[in-house]
Amino acid sequence: MTARPPISHESFLFMRSEIERLTNELHAVTVDRDYWYMKANYTPEERAEMYHRASKGLDENGAWLWPDSVRTTR
């Protein structure tokens, strides 16, 4: 754990909880933005194909998304 700065324990705990809350909020906003971007720019068929490929770990061209060092399938 990192050293605590010279502030009150309550302030430290509040800031730690705010970091977690804001990180979660950023994730929610990012997911929402990505959803509406996909909905606005791609047909339902294109989105279904992209989600299908992503579930297999492939990009839009069918190439593997991750380097070989993290591949979990053979």
Protein backbone atom coordinates (compact mmCIF):
# COMPACT_ATOMS: atom_id res chain seq x y z
CA MET A 1 0.00 0.00 0.00
CA THR A 2 1.19 3.52 -0.68
CA ALA A 3 2.09 5.91 2.12
CA ARG A 4 -0.80 8.05 3.25
CA PRO A 5 -0.36 11.81 2.73
CA PRO A 6 -0.50 14.10 5.81
CA ILE A 7 -4.30 14.53 5.85
CA SER A 8 -6.98 13.28 8.21
CA HIS A 9 -7.95 9.63 8.12
CA GLU A 10 -11.52 10.58 7.18
CA SER A 11 -10.34 12.67 4.22
CA PHE A 12 -8.08 9.87 3.06
CA LEU A 13 -10.90 7.31 3.18
CA PHE A 14 -13.29 9.72 1.46
CA MET A 15 -10.84 10.31 -1.40
CA ARG A 16 -10.20 6.58 -1.78
CA SER A 17 -13.95 5.97 -2.04
CA GLU A 18 -14.30 8.84 -4.53
CA ILE A 19 -11.58 7.33 -6.74
CA GLU A 20 -13.48 4.04 -6.82
CA ARG A 21 -16.84 5.75 -7.45
CA LEU A 22 -15.47 7.92 -10.25
CA THR A 23 -13.70 4.95 -11.85
CA ASN A 24 -17.00 3.04 -11.88
CA GLU A 25 -18.81 6.08 -13.27
CA LEU A 26 -16.21 6.47 -16.03
CA HIS A 27 -16.69 2.83 -16.99
CA ALA A 28 -20.48 3.25 -17.13
CA VAL A 29 -20.22 6.39 -19.28
CA THR A 30 -17.71 4.70 -21.61
CA VAL A 31 -19.98 1.69 -22.08
CA ASP A 32 -22.95 3.99 -22.75
CA ARG A 33 -20.96 6.08 -25.28
CA ASP A 34 -19.76 2.97 -27.10
CA TYR A 35 -23.30 1.55 -27.24
CA TRP A 36 -24.77 4.69 -28.81
CA TYR A 37 -21.83 5.08 -31.22
CA MET A 38 -22.33 1.52 -32.46
CA LYS A 39 -26.11 2.01 -32.72
CA ALA A 40 -25.68 5.23 -34.74
CA ASN A 41 -23.01 4.00 -37.15
CA TYR A 42 -23.66 0.30 -37.79
CA THR A 43 -26.65 -1.79 -38.87
CA PRO A 44 -28.03 -4.44 -36.48
CA GLU A 45 -26.48 -7.13 -38.68
CA GLU A 46 -23.03 -5.49 -38.58
CA ARG A 47 -23.25 -5.09 -34.79
CA ALA A 48 -24.28 -8.72 -34.36
CA GLU A 49 -21.34 -9.86 -36.49
CA MET A 50 -18.89 -7.65 -34.52
CA TYR A 51 -20.19 -8.92 -31.16
CA HIS A 52 -19.96 -12.51 -32.45
CA ARG A 53 -16.35 -12.02 -33.57
CA ALA A 54 -15.43 -10.20 -30.35
CA SER A 55 -16.84 -13.08 -28.30
CA LYS A 56 -14.33 -15.32 -30.11
CA GLY A 57 -11.48 -12.83 -29.56
CA LEU A 58 -11.34 -11.67 -33.18
CA ASP A 59 -11.32 -8.16 -34.67
CA GLU A 60 -13.54 -6.98 -37.54
CA ASN A 61 -11.23 -8.65 -40.08
CA GLY A 62 -11.11 -11.99 -38.28
CA ALA A 63 -7.60 -11.45 -36.89
CA TRP A 64 -6.79 -12.46 -33.31
CA LEU A 65 -7.12 -9.44 -30.97
CA TRP A 66 -4.52 -10.50 -28.41
CA PRO A 67 -0.81 -11.28 -28.79
CA ASP A 68 0.12 -14.97 -28.86
CA SER A 69 1.58 -14.68 -25.37
CA VAL A 70 -1.92 -14.24 -23.88
CA ARG A 71 -3.78 -16.67 -26.13
CA THR A 72 -5.86 -19.07 -24.04
CA THR A 73 -6.95 -21.41 -26.85
CA ARG A 74 -4.83 -23.61 -29.10
